[in-house]
Amino acid sequence: MEDSYLNQCKRERIKSYLNISRKIKQAEQRIKWIDKEFYNQSFVGVTCEFSGDLVYKGFNVEKSIVNHIGDIESFEKKITMLKTKKKYIQSFMESLSDSERMAIINMVISDKPLTEIETTVYQEILEIDEAVNFMQGIEPDKATDKLENNNLNLENDFSEIFNMLEVE
């Protein structure tokens, strides 16, 4: 049962990588929506009720612009990261044979143990994630380096986690 769930999680991760183009498009649409919402608001101010009195609240230019630019930059950074991941996964997928690519595409609905090619693709995804995180300046967690990347032996992994956390 645990192996089946683990296989399903790995397949979902692979499927997520196969849909990176859609994620990029969604992030680009989100930027357009954020811009539209920002420029559709009133830059003058609003009248509102506060403690039973009507008060005029002015538009806070500094706060609004900083938040807007921060939101845009966040999504642009996400798009850059996704495009980098897309470049690497496409390069890897192109290195596979046609039959291997078809096996990866068809594996999404399978509940069988991971095949060798699926395991290879999953390992490549882990390497891509690690490389992109390094490019973004995100340090790997040294404590998790002891864990096996393939997670084939889940019980041993949990034992190592408990030992790292000093749980008895």
C-alpha atoms as a PDB file:
ATOM      1  CA  MET A   1       0.000   0.000   0.000  1.00  0.00           C
ATOM      2  CA  GLU A   2       2.798   2.413   0.950  1.00  0.00           C
ATOM      3  CA  ASP A   3       4.733   1.575  -2.217  1.00  0.00           C
ATOM      4  CA  SER A   4       1.596   2.218  -4.262  1.00  0.00           C
ATOM      5  CA  TYR A   5       1.121   5.627  -2.620  1.00  0.00           C
ATOM      6  CA  LEU A   6       4.791   6.472  -3.091  1.00  0.00           C
ATOM      7  CA  ASN A   7       4.594   5.457  -6.754  1.00  0.00           C
ATOM      8  CA  GLN A   8       1.504   7.622  -7.163  1.00  0.00           C
ATOM      9  CA  CYS A   9       3.322  10.619  -5.639  1.00  0.00           C
ATOM     10  CA  LYS A  10       6.268  10.124  -7.967  1.00  0.00           C
ATOM     11  CA  ARG A  11       3.949   9.812 -10.966  1.00  0.00           C
ATOM     12  CA  GLU A  12       2.185  13.024  -9.947  1.00  0.00           C
ATOM     13  CA  ARG A  13       5.555  14.773  -9.800  1.00  0.00           C
ATOM     14  CA  ILE A  14       6.435  13.505 -13.282  1.00  0.00           C
ATOM     15  CA  LYS A  15       3.007  14.569 -14.556  1.00  0.00           C
ATOM     16  CA  SER A  16       3.575  17.998 -13.039  1.00  0.00           C
ATOM     17  CA  TYR A  17       6.798  18.322 -15.019  1.00  0.00           C
ATOM     18  CA  LEU A  18       5.072  17.231 -18.200  1.00  0.00           C
ATOM     19  CA  ASN A  19       2.587  20.116 -17.664  1.00  0.00           C
ATOM     20  CA  ILE A  20       5.130  22.883 -17.017  1.00  0.00           C
ATOM     21  CA  SER A  21       4.061  24.782 -20.168  1.00  0.00           C
ATOM     22  CA  ARG A  22       0.561  25.118 -18.733  1.00  0.00           C
ATOM     23  CA  LYS A  23       1.958  26.376 -15.418  1.00  0.00           C
ATOM     24  CA  ILE A  24       4.009  29.004 -17.265  1.00  0.00           C
ATOM     25  CA  LYS A  25       0.947  30.163 -19.165  1.00  0.00           C
ATOM     26  CA  GLN A  26      -1.074  30.357 -15.921  1.00  0.00           C
ATOM     27  CA  ALA A  27       1.631  32.464 -14.244  1.00  0.00           C
ATOM     28  CA  GLU A  28       1.746  34.809 -17.249  1.00  0.00           C
ATOM     29  CA  GLN A  29      -2.043  35.167 -17.126  1.00  0.00           C
ATOM     30  CA  ARG A  30      -1.836  35.849 -13.403  1.00  0.00           C
ATOM     31  CA  ILE A  31       0.571  38.739 -14.062  1.00  0.00           C
ATOM     32  CA  LYS A  32      -1.868  40.209 -16.567  1.00  0.00           C
ATOM     33  CA  TRP A  33      -4.715  39.845 -14.059  1.00  0.00           C
ATOM     34  CA  ILE A  34      -2.660  41.500 -11.276  1.00  0.00           C
ATOM     35  CA  ASP A  35      -1.883  44.433 -13.612  1.00  0.00           C
ATOM     36  CA  LYS A  36      -5.504  44.750 -14.649  1.00  0.00           C
ATOM     37  CA  GLU A  37      -6.754  44.709 -11.054  1.00  0.00           C
ATOM     38  CA  PHE A  38      -4.135  47.253 -10.007  1.00  0.00           C
ATOM     39  CA  TYR A  39      -4.985  49.744 -12.739  1.00  0.00           C
ATOM     40  CA  ASN A  40      -8.749  49.229 -12.370  1.00  0.00           C
ATOM     41  CA  GLN A  41      -8.750  50.509  -8.810  1.00  0.00           C
ATOM     42  CA  SER A  42      -9.385  54.080  -7.712  1.00  0.00           C
ATOM     43  CA  PHE A  43      -6.166  55.957  -7.045  1.00  0.00           C
ATOM     44  CA  VAL A  44      -8.027  58.766  -5.293  1.00  0.00           C
ATOM     45  CA  GLY A  45      -9.350  57.200  -2.111  1.00  0.00           C
ATOM     46  CA  VAL A  46     -12.563  55.967  -0.584  1.00  0.00           C
ATOM     47  CA  THR A  47     -15.124  57.104   1.922  1.00  0.00           C
ATOM     48  CA  CYS A  48     -15.875  54.488   4.543  1.00  0.00           C
ATOM     49  CA  GLU A  49     -17.443  54.111   7.962  1.00  0.00           C
ATOM     50  CA  PHE A  50     -15.186  54.000  10.997  1.00  0.00           C
ATOM     51  CA  SER A  51     -16.654  53.873  14.515  1.00  0.00           C
ATOM     52  CA  GLY A  52     -19.968  55.231  13.315  1.00  0.00           C
ATOM     53  CA  ASP A  53     -18.404  58.189  11.456  1.00  0.00           C
ATOM     54  CA  LEU A  54     -17.815  58.615   7.728  1.00  0.00           C
ATOM     55  CA  VAL A  55     -14.125  59.083   7.067  1.00  0.00           C
ATOM     56  CA  TYR A  56     -12.120  59.615   3.902  1.00  0.00           C
ATOM     57  CA  LYS A  57      -9.244  57.213   3.423  1.00  0.00           C
ATOM     58  CA  GLY A  58      -6.641  58.310   0.890  1.00  0.00           C
ATOM     59  CA  PHE A  59      -4.858  56.011  -1.535  1.00  0.00           C
ATOM     60  CA  ASN A  60      -1.519  54.836  -0.120  1.00  0.00           C
ATOM     61  CA  VAL A  61       0.683  55.148  -3.200  1.00  0.00           C
ATOM     62  CA  GLU A  62       3.897  53.783  -1.704  1.00  0.00           C
ATOM     63  CA  LYS A  63       2.327  50.700  -0.151  1.00  0.00           C
ATOM     64  CA  SER A  64       0.203  49.872  -3.195  1.00  0.00           C
ATOM     65  CA  ILE A  65       3.004  50.247  -5.726  1.00  0.00           C
ATOM     66  CA  VAL A  66       5.517  48.291  -3.632  1.00  0.00           C
ATOM     67  CA  ASN A  67       3.000  45.457  -3.177  1.00  0.00           C
ATOM     68  CA  HIS A  68       2.129  45.500  -6.896  1.00  0.00           C
ATOM     69  CA  ILE A  69       5.756  45.384  -8.016  1.00  0.00           C
ATOM     70  CA  GLY A  70       6.512  42.661  -5.447  1.00  0.00           C
ATOM     71  CA  ASP A  71       3.659  40.526  -6.762  1.00  0.00           C
ATOM     72  CA  ILE A  72       4.792  40.979 -10.374  1.00  0.00           C
ATOM     73  CA  GLU A  73       8.432  40.206  -9.522  1.00  0.00           C
ATOM     74  CA  SER A  74       7.384  37.091  -7.616  1.00  0.00           C
ATOM     75  CA  PHE A  75       5.508  35.709 -10.612  1.00  0.00           C
ATOM     76  CA  GLU A  76       8.299  36.688 -13.018  1.00  0.00           C
ATOM     77  CA  LYS A  77      10.772  34.802 -10.828  1.00  0.00           C
ATOM     78  CA  LYS A  78       8.423  31.800 -10.826  1.00  0.00           C
ATOM     79  CA  ILE A  79       8.151  31.954 -14.640  1.00  0.00           C
ATOM     80  CA  THR A  80      11.951  32.088 -14.974  1.00  0.00           C
ATOM     81  CA  MET A  81      12.290  29.071 -12.676  1.00  0.00           C
ATOM     82  CA  LEU A  82       9.598  27.130 -14.577  1.00  0.00           C
ATOM     83  CA  LYS A  83      11.196  27.936 -17.954  1.00  0.00           C
ATOM     84  CA  THR A  84      14.546  26.671 -16.649  1.00  0.00           C
ATOM     85  CA  LYS A  85      12.926  23.442 -15.452  1.00  0.00           C
ATOM     86  CA  LYS A  86      11.119  23.119 -18.803  1.00  0.00           C
ATOM     87  CA  LYS A  87      14.391  23.504 -20.717  1.00  0.00           C
ATOM     88  CA  TYR A  88      16.083  20.766 -18.698  1.00  0.00           C
ATOM     89  CA  ILE A  89      13.190  18.299 -18.756  1.00  0.00           C
ATOM     90  CA  GLN A  90      12.742  18.804 -22.511  1.00  0.00           C
ATOM     91  CA  SER A  91      16.431  18.165 -23.043  1.00  0.00           C
ATOM     92  CA  PHE A  92      16.197  14.996 -20.981  1.00  0.00           C
ATOM     93  CA  MET A  93      13.027  13.804 -22.706  1.00  0.00           C
ATOM     94  CA  GLU A  94      14.662  14.347 -26.108  1.00  0.00           C
ATOM     95  CA  SER A  95      17.478  12.034 -25.004  1.00  0.00           C
ATOM     96  CA  LEU A  96      14.957   9.203 -24.531  1.00  0.00           C
ATOM     97  CA  SER A  97      13.817   6.888 -27.288  1.00  0.00           C
ATOM     98  CA  ASP A  98      10.315   7.264 -28.738  1.00  0.00           C
ATOM     99  CA  SER A  99       9.127   4.146 -26.915  1.00  0.00           C
ATOM    100  CA  GLU A 100      10.494   5.433 -23.597  1.00  0.00           C
ATOM    101  CA  ARG A 101       8.758   8.802 -24.083  1.00  0.00           C
ATOM    102  CA  MET A 102       5.479   7.027 -24.848  1.00  0.00           C
ATOM    103  CA  ALA A 103       5.907   4.863 -21.750  1.00  0.00           C
ATOM    104  CA  ILE A 104       6.335   7.997 -19.629  1.00  0.00           C
ATOM    105  CA  ILE A 105       3.268   9.631 -21.142  1.00  0.00           C
ATOM    106  CA  ASN A 106       1.163   6.475 -20.704  1.00  0.00           C
ATOM    107  CA  MET A 107       2.314   5.768 -17.140  1.00  0.00           C
ATOM    108  CA  VAL A 108       0.179   8.504 -15.587  1.00  0.00           C
ATOM    109  CA  ILE A 109      -2.838   6.248 -15.087  1.00  0.00           C
ATOM    110  CA  SER A 110      -0.874   3.187 -13.979  1.00  0.00           C
ATOM    111  CA  ASP A 111      -0.898   1.879 -10.413  1.00  0.00           C
ATOM    112  CA  LYS A 112       1.893  -0.628 -10.998  1.00  0.00           C
ATOM    113  CA  PRO A 113       5.365  -0.319  -9.476  1.00  0.00           C
ATOM    114  CA  LEU A 114       7.536   2.255 -11.196  1.00  0.00           C
ATOM    115  CA  THR A 115       9.348   0.992 -14.245  1.00  0.00           C
ATOM    116  CA  GLU A 116      13.048   1.588 -14.729  1.00  0.00           C
ATOM    117  CA  ILE A 117      12.426   4.490 -17.130  1.00  0.00           C
ATOM    118  CA  GLU A 118       9.910   6.087 -14.746  1.00  0.00           C
ATOM    119  CA  THR A 119      12.459   5.849 -11.936  1.00  0.00           C
ATOM    120  CA  THR A 120      15.079   7.388 -14.240  1.00  0.00           C
ATOM    121  CA  VAL A 121      12.761  10.289 -15.125  1.00  0.00           C
ATOM    122  CA  TYR A 122      11.916  10.831 -11.453  1.00  0.00           C
ATOM    123  CA  GLN A 123      15.632  10.886 -10.538  1.00  0.00           C
ATOM    124  CA  GLU A 124      16.237  13.419 -13.326  1.00  0.00           C
ATOM    125  CA  ILE A 125      13.417  15.603 -11.961  1.00  0.00           C
ATOM    126  CA  LEU A 126      15.035  15.543  -8.518  1.00  0.00           C
ATOM    127  CA  GLU A 127      18.333  16.625 -10.097  1.00  0.00           C
ATOM    128  CA  ILE A 128      16.625  19.414 -12.058  1.00  0.00           C
ATOM    129  CA  ASP A 129      14.938  20.669  -8.887  1.00  0.00           C
ATOM    130  CA  GLU A 130      18.252  20.655  -7.062  1.00  0.00           C
ATOM    131  CA  ALA A 131      19.993  22.510  -9.918  1.00  0.00           C
ATOM    132  CA  VAL A 132      17.249  25.146 -10.195  1.00  0.00           C
ATOM    133  CA  ASN A 133      17.267  25.669  -6.430  1.00  0.00           C
ATOM    134  CA  PHE A 134      21.046  26.152  -6.586  1.00  0.00           C
ATOM    135  CA  MET A 135      20.605  28.718  -9.399  1.00  0.00           C
ATOM    136  CA  GLN A 136      18.039  30.534  -7.253  1.00  0.00           C
ATOM    137  CA  GLY A 137      20.467  30.583  -4.314  1.00  0.00           C
ATOM    138  CA  ILE A 138      18.462  28.104  -2.242  1.00  0.00           C
ATOM    139  CA  GLU A 139      20.822  25.990  -0.175  1.00  0.00           C
ATOM    140  CA  PRO A 140      20.051  22.255   0.084  1.00  0.00           C
ATOM    141  CA  ASP A 141      19.107  21.037   3.536  1.00  0.00           C
ATOM    142  CA  LYS A 142      22.222  19.229   4.775  1.00  0.00           C
ATOM    143  CA  ALA A 143      20.194  17.127   7.213  1.00  0.00           C
ATOM    144  CA  THR A 144      18.205  15.531   4.401  1.00  0.00           C
ATOM    145  CA  ASP A 145      21.297  14.553   2.391  1.00  0.00           C
ATOM    146  CA  LYS A 146      21.430  11.330   4.411  1.00  0.00           C
ATOM    147  CA  LEU A 147      18.087  10.206   3.019  1.00  0.00           C
ATOM    148  CA  GLU A 148      18.032   8.046  -0.062  1.00  0.00           C
ATOM    149  CA  ASN A 149      16.788   9.876  -3.154  1.00  0.00           C
ATOM    150  CA  ASN A 150      14.852   6.928  -4.482  1.00  0.00           C
ATOM    151  CA  ASN A 151      12.797   6.335  -1.292  1.00  0.00           C
ATOM    152  CA  LEU A 152      12.526   2.638  -2.078  1.00  0.00           C
ATOM    153  CA  ASN A 153      12.967   1.724   1.543  1.00  0.00           C
ATOM    154  CA  LEU A 154      10.459   3.990   3.275  1.00  0.00           C
ATOM    155  CA  GLU A 155      10.851   2.394   6.701  1.00  0.00           C
ATOM    156  CA  ASN A 156      14.603   3.070   6.755  1.00  0.00           C
ATOM    157  CA  ASP A 157      13.998   6.653   5.652  1.00  0.00           C
ATOM    158  CA  PHE A 158      11.579   7.236   8.515  1.00  0.00           C
ATOM    159  CA  SER A 159      14.062   5.672  10.944  1.00  0.00           C
ATOM    160  CA  GLU A 160      16.751   8.057   9.706  1.00  0.00           C
ATOM    161  CA  ILE A 161      14.357  11.005  10.051  1.00  0.00           C
ATOM    162  CA  PHE A 162      13.511   9.994  13.600  1.00  0.00           C
ATOM    163  CA  ASN A 163      17.208   9.641  14.396  1.00  0.00           C
ATOM    164  CA  MET A 164      17.931  13.120  12.950  1.00  0.00           C
ATOM    165  CA  LEU A 165      15.111  14.537  15.069  1.00  0.00           C
ATOM    166  CA  GLU A 166      16.311  12.494  18.049  1.00  0.00           C
ATOM    167  CA  VAL A 167      12.881  10.864  18.460  1.00  0.00           C
ATOM    168  CA  GLU A 168      12.819   7.478  20.154  1.00  0.00           C
END
